[in-house]
Structure formats: structure tokens, C-alpha cells
C-alpha atoms as a PDB file:
ATOM      1  CA  UNK A   1       0.000   0.000   0.000  1.00  0.00           C
ATOM      2  CA  UNK A   2       1.135   3.523  -0.733  1.00  0.00           C
ATOM      3  CA  UNK A   3       1.235   6.111   2.017  1.00  0.00           C
ATOM      4  CA  UNK A   4      -0.102   9.572   1.215  1.00  0.00           C
ATOM      5  CA  UNK A   5       0.008  12.775   3.186  1.00  0.00           C
ATOM      6  CA  UNK A   6      -3.215  14.234   4.518  1.00  0.00           C
ATOM      7  CA  UNK A   7      -3.273  18.037   4.528  1.00  0.00           C
ATOM      8  CA  UNK A   8      -5.656  20.725   5.695  1.00  0.00           C
ATOM      9  CA  UNK A   9      -7.104  23.508   3.535  1.00  0.00           C
ATOM     10  CA  UNK A  10      -3.999  25.581   4.304  1.00  0.00           C
ATOM     11  CA  UNK A  11      -1.853  22.911   2.585  1.00  0.00           C
ATOM     12  CA  UNK A  12      -0.250  21.897   5.909  1.00  0.00           C
ATOM     13  CA  UNK A  13       0.402  18.217   6.594  1.00  0.00           C
ATOM     14  CA  UNK A  14      -1.715  16.909   9.471  1.00  0.00           C
ATOM     15  CA  UNK A  15      -1.580  13.114   9.069  1.00  0.00           C
ATOM     16  CA  UNK A  16      -0.833  10.177   6.778  1.00  0.00           C
ATOM     17  CA  UNK A  17      -3.136   7.603   5.239  1.00  0.00           C
ATOM     18  CA  UNK A  18      -2.590   4.319   3.421  1.00  0.00           C
ATOM     19  CA  UNK A  19      -4.274   3.901   0.040  1.00  0.00           C
ATOM     20  CA  UNK A  20      -4.828   0.525  -1.610  1.00  0.00           C
ATOM     21  CA  UNK A  21      -2.723  -0.457  -4.591  1.00  0.00           C
ATOM     22  CA  UNK A  22      -5.825  -2.025  -6.161  1.00  0.00           C
ATOM     23  CA  UNK A  23      -7.264   1.492  -6.357  1.00  0.00           C
ATOM     24  CA  UNK A  24      -4.288   3.836  -6.739  1.00  0.00           C
ATOM     25  CA  UNK A  25      -1.550   1.534  -8.059  1.00  0.00           C
ATOM     26  CA  UNK A  26      -3.045   0.240 -11.293  1.00  0.00           C
ATOM     27  CA  UNK A  27      -1.046   0.228 -14.531  1.00  0.00           C
ATOM     28  CA  UNK A  28      -2.535   2.755 -16.944  1.00  0.00           C
ATOM     29  CA  UNK A  29      -3.840   1.567 -20.305  1.00  0.00           C
ATOM     30  CA  UNK A  30      -4.662   4.585 -22.482  1.00  0.00           C
ATOM     31  CA  UNK A  31      -6.839   2.460 -24.761  1.00  0.00           C
ATOM     32  CA  UNK A  32      -9.223   1.610 -21.914  1.00  0.00           C
ATOM     33  CA  UNK A  33      -9.360   5.260 -20.808  1.00  0.00           C
ATOM     34  CA  UNK A  34     -10.071   6.335 -24.389  1.00  0.00           C
ATOM     35  CA  UNK A  35     -12.932   3.850 -24.749  1.00  0.00           C
ATOM     36  CA  UNK A  36     -14.617   5.013 -21.530  1.00  0.00           C
ATOM     37  CA  UNK A  37     -14.219   8.720 -22.330  1.00  0.00           C
ATOM     38  CA  UNK A  38     -15.729   8.155 -25.791  1.00  0.00           C
ATOM     39  CA  UNK A  39     -18.647   6.349 -24.170  1.00  0.00           C
ATOM     40  CA  UNK A  40     -19.240   9.181 -21.685  1.00  0.00           C
ATOM     41  CA  UNK A  41     -19.124  11.840 -24.394  1.00  0.00           C
ATOM     42  CA  UNK A  42     -21.489   9.844 -26.617  1.00  0.00           C
ATOM     43  CA  UNK A  43     -23.930   9.400 -23.736  1.00  0.00           C
ATOM     44  CA  UNK A  44     -23.979  13.170 -23.170  1.00  0.00           C
ATOM     45  CA  UNK A  45     -25.002  13.943 -26.763  1.00  0.00           C
ATOM     46  CA  UNK A  46     -28.572  15.181 -27.053  1.00  0.00           C
ATOM     47  CA  UNK A  47     -29.075  13.737 -30.530  1.00  0.00           C
ATOM     48  CA  UNK A  48     -31.742  16.331 -31.351  1.00  0.00           C
ATOM     49  CA  UNK A  49     -30.360  17.566 -34.690  1.00  0.00           C
ATOM     50  CA  UNK A  50     -33.074  17.292 -37.319  1.00  0.00           C
ATOM     51  CA  UNK A  51     -33.716  18.441 -40.898  1.00  0.00           C
ATOM     52  CA  UNK A  52     -36.869  18.323 -43.015  1.00  0.00           C
ATOM     53  CA  UNK A  53     -37.294  16.142 -46.059  1.00  0.00           C
ATOM     54  CA  UNK A  54     -39.195  17.337 -49.132  1.00  0.00           C
ATOM     55  CA  UNK A  55     -42.347  15.722 -47.771  1.00  0.00           C
ATOM     56  CA  UNK A  56     -42.190  17.661 -44.483  1.00  0.00           C
ATOM     57  CA  UNK A  57     -41.843  21.147 -45.968  1.00  0.00           C
ATOM     58  CA  UNK A  58     -44.828  23.440 -46.201  1.00  0.00           C
ATOM     59  CA  UNK A  59     -46.237  24.106 -49.683  1.00  0.00           C
ATOM     60  CA  UNK A  60     -44.823  22.760 -52.905  1.00  0.00           C
ATOM     61  CA  UNK A  61     -48.111  21.391 -54.173  1.00  0.00           C
ATOM     62  CA  UNK A  62     -48.302  23.506 -57.316  1.00  0.00           C
ATOM     63  CA  UNK A  63     -46.099  22.824 -60.295  1.00  0.00           C
ATOM     64  CA  UNK A  64     -43.742  25.850 -60.611  1.00  0.00           C
ATOM     65  CA  UNK A  65     -44.160  26.088 -64.407  1.00  0.00           C
ATOM     66  CA  UNK A  66     -45.595  24.058 -67.225  1.00  0.00           C
ATOM     67  CA  UNK A  67     -43.862  20.898 -68.309  1.00  0.00           C
ATOM     68  CA  UNK A  68     -42.862  21.968 -71.842  1.00  0.00           C
ATOM     69  CA  UNK A  69     -42.155  25.050 -73.865  1.00  0.00           C
ATOM     70  CA  UNK A  70     -40.314  27.265 -71.369  1.00  0.00           C
ATOM     71  CA  UNK A  71     -36.771  26.194 -72.214  1.00  0.00           C
ATOM     72  CA  UNK A  72     -36.117  25.348 -68.573  1.00  0.00           C
ATOM     73  CA  UNK A  73     -35.716  21.977 -66.986  1.00  0.00           C
ATOM     74  CA  UNK A  74     -38.954  20.338 -65.960  1.00  0.00           C
ATOM     75  CA  UNK A  75     -39.879  20.708 -62.300  1.00  0.00           C
ATOM     76  CA  UNK A  76     -42.800  19.421 -60.270  1.00  0.00           C
ATOM     77  CA  UNK A  77     -42.333  21.067 -56.863  1.00  0.00           C
ATOM     78  CA  UNK A  78     -40.401  23.879 -55.205  1.00  0.00           C
ATOM     79  CA  UNK A  79     -39.580  21.489 -52.362  1.00  0.00           C
ATOM     80  CA  UNK A  80     -37.158  19.559 -54.550  1.00  0.00           C
ATOM     81  CA  UNK A  81     -33.815  18.888 -52.791  1.00  0.00           C
ATOM     82  CA  UNK A  82     -31.915  20.463 -55.709  1.00  0.00           C
ATOM     83  CA  UNK A  83     -33.645  23.809 -55.122  1.00  0.00           C
ATOM     84  CA  UNK A  84     -32.591  26.468 -52.634  1.00  0.00           C
ATOM     85  CA  UNK A  85     -34.947  26.132 -49.672  1.00  0.00           C
ATOM     86  CA  UNK A  86     -35.931  22.630 -50.684  1.00  0.00           C
ATOM     87  CA  UNK A  87     -35.888  19.481 -48.583  1.00  0.00           C
ATOM     88  CA  UNK A  88     -32.727  17.809 -47.316  1.00  0.00           C
ATOM     89  CA  UNK A  89     -31.644  14.375 -48.475  1.00  0.00           C
ATOM     90  CA  UNK A  90     -30.116  12.065 -45.861  1.00  0.00           C
ATOM     91  CA  UNK A  91     -29.905  14.881 -43.289  1.00  0.00           C
ATOM     92  CA  UNK A  92     -29.573  14.329 -39.541  1.00  0.00           C
ATOM     93  CA  UNK A  93     -32.571  12.935 -37.674  1.00  0.00           C
ATOM     94  CA  UNK A  94     -33.169  12.636 -33.907  1.00  0.00           C
ATOM     95  CA  UNK A  95     -31.307   9.614 -32.592  1.00  0.00           C
ATOM     96  CA  UNK A  96     -29.810   8.120 -29.447  1.00  0.00           C
ATOM     97  CA  UNK A  97     -25.995   8.023 -29.467  1.00  0.00           C
ATOM     98  CA  UNK A  98     -25.619   6.361 -26.055  1.00  0.00           C
ATOM     99  CA  UNK A  99     -24.106   2.931 -25.507  1.00  0.00           C
ATOM    100  CA  UNK A 100     -22.648   1.001 -22.592  1.00  0.00           C
ATOM    101  CA  UNK A 101     -19.354  -0.653 -21.811  1.00  0.00           C
ATOM    102  CA  UNK A 102     -19.062  -3.507 -19.300  1.00  0.00           C
ATOM    103  CA  UNK A 103     -19.127  -2.399 -15.663  1.00  0.00           C
ATOM    104  CA  UNK A 104     -15.731  -4.010 -15.038  1.00  0.00           C
ATOM    105  CA  UNK A 105     -14.189  -1.918 -17.814  1.00  0.00           C
ATOM    106  CA  UNK A 106     -15.706   1.300 -16.443  1.00  0.00           C
ATOM    107  CA  UNK A 107     -14.448   0.552 -12.933  1.00  0.00           C
ATOM    108  CA  UNK A 108     -10.997  -0.360 -14.244  1.00  0.00           C
ATOM    109  CA  UNK A 109     -10.789   2.921 -16.166  1.00  0.00           C
ATOM    110  CA  UNK A 110     -11.717   4.896 -13.042  1.00  0.00           C
ATOM    111  CA  UNK A 111      -9.003   3.134 -11.036  1.00  0.00           C
ATOM    112  CA  UNK A 112      -6.521   3.853 -13.837  1.00  0.00           C
ATOM    113  CA  UNK A 113      -7.411   7.545 -13.867  1.00  0.00           C
ATOM    114  CA  UNK A 114      -6.969   7.793 -10.092  1.00  0.00           C
ATOM    115  CA  UNK A 115      -3.679   5.899 -10.277  1.00  0.00           C
ATOM    116  CA  UNK A 116      -2.435   8.232 -13.004  1.00  0.00           C
ATOM    117  CA  UNK A 117      -3.137  11.343 -10.918  1.00  0.00           C
ATOM    118  CA  UNK A 118      -1.369   9.864  -7.880  1.00  0.00           C
ATOM    119  CA  UNK A 119       1.697   8.727  -9.849  1.00  0.00           C
ATOM    120  CA  UNK A 120       1.958  12.175 -11.453  1.00  0.00           C
ATOM    121  CA  UNK A 121       1.889  13.828  -8.039  1.00  0.00           C
ATOM    122  CA  UNK A 122      -1.236  15.757  -9.000  1.00  0.00           C
ATOM    123  CA  UNK A 123      -3.515  14.398  -6.280  1.00  0.00           C
ATOM    124  CA  UNK A 124      -3.921  15.687  -2.727  1.00  0.00           C
ATOM    125  CA  UNK A 125      -5.942  14.291   0.154  1.00  0.00           C
ATOM    126  CA  UNK A 126      -7.565  16.890   2.414  1.00  0.00           C
ATOM    127  CA  UNK A 127      -8.826  16.127   5.911  1.00  0.00           C
ATOM    128  CA  UNK A 128     -11.967  18.259   5.461  1.00  0.00           C
ATOM    129  CA  UNK A 129     -13.258  21.126   3.359  1.00  0.00           C
ATOM    130  CA  UNK A 130     -16.197  22.899   4.928  1.00  0.00           C
ATOM    131  CA  UNK A 131     -17.705  26.299   4.220  1.00  0.00           C
ATOM    132  CA  UNK A 132     -20.268  28.050   6.414  1.00  0.00           C
ATOM    133  CA  UNK A 133     -21.739  29.873   3.410  1.00  0.00           C
ATOM    134  CA  UNK A 134     -21.184  30.038  -0.358  1.00  0.00           C
ATOM    135  CA  UNK A 135     -18.149  32.317  -0.838  1.00  0.00           C
ATOM    136  CA  UNK A 136     -16.320  32.154  -4.154  1.00  0.00           C
ATOM    137  CA  UNK A 137     -13.479  34.301  -2.840  1.00  0.00           C
ATOM    138  CA  UNK A 138     -12.840  31.900   0.061  1.00  0.00           C
ATOM    139  CA  UNK A 139     -12.940  28.897  -2.285  1.00  0.00           C
ATOM    140  CA  UNK A 140     -10.389  30.472  -4.629  1.00  0.00           C
ATOM    141  CA  UNK A 141      -8.244  31.325  -1.611  1.00  0.00           C
ATOM    142  CA  UNK A 142      -8.105  27.652  -0.643  1.00  0.00           C
ATOM    143  CA  UNK A 143      -7.151  26.687  -4.200  1.00  0.00           C
ATOM    144  CA  UNK A 144      -4.398  29.299  -4.185  1.00  0.00           C
ATOM    145  CA  UNK A 145      -2.958  27.698  -1.028  1.00  0.00           C
ATOM    146  CA  UNK A 146      -2.282  24.612  -3.171  1.00  0.00           C
ATOM    147  CA  UNK A 147      -1.386  26.633  -6.279  1.00  0.00           C
ATOM    148  CA  UNK A 148      -4.241  24.930  -8.148  1.00  0.00           C
ATOM    149  CA  UNK A 149      -5.648  26.899 -11.065  1.00  0.00           C
ATOM    150  CA  UNK A 150      -7.531  23.944 -12.522  1.00  0.00           C
ATOM    151  CA  UNK A 151      -8.832  21.302 -10.132  1.00  0.00           C
ATOM    152  CA  UNK A 152     -11.520  18.690  -9.540  1.00  0.00           C
ATOM    153  CA  UNK A 153     -12.701  18.569  -5.914  1.00  0.00           C
ATOM    154  CA  UNK A 154     -14.293  15.319  -4.714  1.00  0.00           C
ATOM    155  CA  UNK A 155     -16.418  15.496  -1.557  1.00  0.00           C
ATOM    156  CA  UNK A 156     -17.954  12.718   0.517  1.00  0.00           C
ATOM    157  CA  UNK A 157     -21.494  13.816  -0.391  1.00  0.00           C
ATOM    158  CA  UNK A 158     -23.275  16.752  -1.983  1.00  0.00           C
ATOM    159  CA  UNK A 159     -22.099  19.934  -0.253  1.00  0.00           C
ATOM    160  CA  UNK A 160     -24.195  22.864  -1.461  1.00  0.00           C
ATOM    161  CA  UNK A 161     -21.932  25.555   0.007  1.00  0.00           C
ATOM    162  CA  UNK A 162     -18.763  24.220  -1.613  1.00  0.00           C
ATOM    163  CA  UNK A 163     -20.519  23.547  -4.923  1.00  0.00           C
ATOM    164  CA  UNK A 164     -22.046  27.030  -5.064  1.00  0.00           C
ATOM    165  CA  UNK A 165     -18.716  28.594  -4.128  1.00  0.00           C
ATOM    166  CA  UNK A 166     -17.000  26.869  -7.058  1.00  0.00           C
ATOM    167  CA  UNK A 167     -19.762  27.545  -9.557  1.00  0.00           C
ATOM    168  CA  UNK A 168     -18.530  31.004 -10.557  1.00  0.00           C
ATOM    169  CA  UNK A 169     -14.838  30.115 -10.309  1.00  0.00           C
ATOM    170  CA  UNK A 170     -13.356  29.291 -13.707  1.00  0.00           C
ATOM    171  CA  UNK A 171     -11.385  26.046 -13.887  1.00  0.00           C
ATOM    172  CA  UNK A 172     -12.908  24.224 -10.899  1.00  0.00           C
ATOM    173  CA  UNK A 173     -15.565  21.586 -10.398  1.00  0.00           C
ATOM    174  CA  UNK A 174     -16.970  19.936  -7.255  1.00  0.00           C
ATOM    175  CA  UNK A 175     -18.377  16.398  -7.374  1.00  0.00           C
ATOM    176  CA  UNK A 176     -19.561  13.915  -4.735  1.00  0.00           C
ATOM    177  CA  UNK A 177     -17.932  10.485  -4.727  1.00  0.00           C
ATOM    178  CA  UNK A 178     -21.045   8.999  -6.333  1.00  0.00           C
ATOM    179  CA  UNK A 179     -20.594  11.262  -9.368  1.00  0.00           C
ATOM    180  CA  UNK A 180     -16.851  10.759  -9.858  1.00  0.00           C
ATOM    181  CA  UNK A 181     -16.058   9.743 -13.445  1.00  0.00           C
ATOM    182  CA  UNK A 182     -13.119   9.204 -15.792  1.00  0.00           C
ATOM    183  CA  UNK A 183     -13.876  12.147 -18.083  1.00  0.00           C
ATOM    184  CA  UNK A 184     -13.763  14.763 -15.307  1.00  0.00           C
ATOM    185  CA  UNK A 185     -10.635  13.275 -13.707  1.00  0.00           C
ATOM    186  CA  UNK A 186      -8.777  13.505 -17.014  1.00  0.00           C
ATOM    187  CA  UNK A 187     -10.223  16.925 -17.865  1.00  0.00           C
ATOM    188  CA  UNK A 188      -8.846  18.589 -14.728  1.00  0.00           C
ATOM    189  CA  UNK A 189      -5.076  18.243 -14.226  1.00  0.00           C
ATOM    190  CA  UNK A 190      -5.340  18.402 -10.419  1.00  0.00           C
ATOM    191  CA  UNK A 191      -7.437  16.201  -8.134  1.00  0.00           C
ATOM    192  CA  UNK A 192      -8.439  16.970  -4.544  1.00  0.00           C
ATOM    193  CA  UNK A 193      -9.968  14.145  -2.495  1.00  0.00           C
ATOM    194  CA  UNK A 194     -11.550  14.428   0.930  1.00  0.00           C
ATOM    195  CA  UNK A 195     -10.183  11.880   3.390  1.00  0.00           C
ATOM    196  CA  UNK A 196     -13.745  10.895   4.327  1.00  0.00           C
ATOM    197  CA  UNK A 197     -14.445   9.962   0.690  1.00  0.00           C
ATOM    198  CA  UNK A 198     -11.726   7.292   0.474  1.00  0.00           C
ATOM    199  CA  UNK A 199     -13.803   4.557   2.139  1.00  0.00           C
ATOM    200  CA  UNK A 200     -16.739   5.198  -0.173  1.00  0.00           C
ATOM    201  CA  UNK A 201     -14.401   5.168  -3.152  1.00  0.00           C
ATOM    202  CA  UNK A 202     -12.868   1.853  -2.097  1.00  0.00           C
ATOM    203  CA  UNK A 203     -16.344   0.359  -1.603  1.00  0.00           C
ATOM    204  CA  UNK A 204     -17.496   1.567  -5.007  1.00  0.00           C
ATOM    205  CA  UNK A 205     -14.431   0.332  -6.890  1.00  0.00           C
ATOM    206  CA  UNK A 206     -13.629  -2.824  -4.980  1.00  0.00           C
ATOM    207  CA  UNK A 207     -12.090  -5.511  -7.146  1.00  0.00           C
END
């Protein structure tokens, strides 16, 4: 097991904690991480893009001009796809882009992402992070103590004060353990974990 320092919000060491190698000592496979990130991004797509075919456009019932004698090409409707303002051929239609990967693969990718942050030295464990009221200035002050300009903060559970404090701060995001995912870990170069969230994380990702 690896031993990590536990610090307070002033970036001062207050204790040490052992973290399991099964969770923070996994060899990183970029292919697995790529597959899971692609899945997450696909699942977030709304899939609402839609165009109208010639049959869905309004009007177009009258023949624009007579069949013969005008010197122009024959035409039966102004909704023809070859006309400006006409229908679209093979355009996008509402669809569901989501798909699933096996649960074991998703858990493995999350352990790999956590292991990568620890091996890089870009993860800190904080004893507690509590705010009496939503204060963006205080939140940024804590981040400046660690020299973090871009960080993902993982709390034990939903903390409205911390989440609201980070909402207007650019480059930060607060998530509960239940919402931790590979995409956000890789998106933010720094990771801050609450000490109280480690047990929940180990229970969620147990091998």
C-alpha cells in the first residue's frame, strides 16, 4: 500500500493515510481510458439535430411552371432537394448516441485515472473542506494555497456551500464520490480528495 500525506485547507500536513494499490496503483492503459471517455461523451449527446425532407416542408403542391415550352428543366415542386430552400436528403434525424461498456471496464478505467493522478503527483488528500456559506473568494483562496488553477474537488457527499462557491470560479468543479467519473478526472489536471471519501471510493471500486 502507498502512504499519502493528509493536509488541511492551508496545505499543511496533518496526518498520513494508506491507500490501496488495487485502487491507486493500477497500470494505466490509455486504450481503456479512451474507450470510456468516448462512451461518456457519446452518452452526453442530445441527438436532437433534425432536418426536413421534401415531404415535411410546407407548400410545394403547385407545379412551378408548365412541363414543356419554357426552355427550362422540368420541375414538379419547389420542395425539390436540388432547389434552394428545398428538402434535405439524408440529413440528420433525432437519434440516441448512447451505448454502454461492461461495468468491469468502467471501474478499471476509473481506477486507472486515479492511479495516473497519484503517480503524477497531482492528487492531494484533504482532511476536510467545509464552508459556512457560499463564498467564491474563500474557495479560490483555498485553491491558491495549493497553487491549483484547474482542479476537480471530490467530496464525501453533496455539499451545497462548496458547490455554489465553485460555480462562478473558472477552472474548478466539485463532485460527490457517487458522481466521480473518468472524463472529469482527465479533464482537470489536479485532483483533490476528501479523506472521508476514500472509504466510499474503495467500496465503489472494490475488485
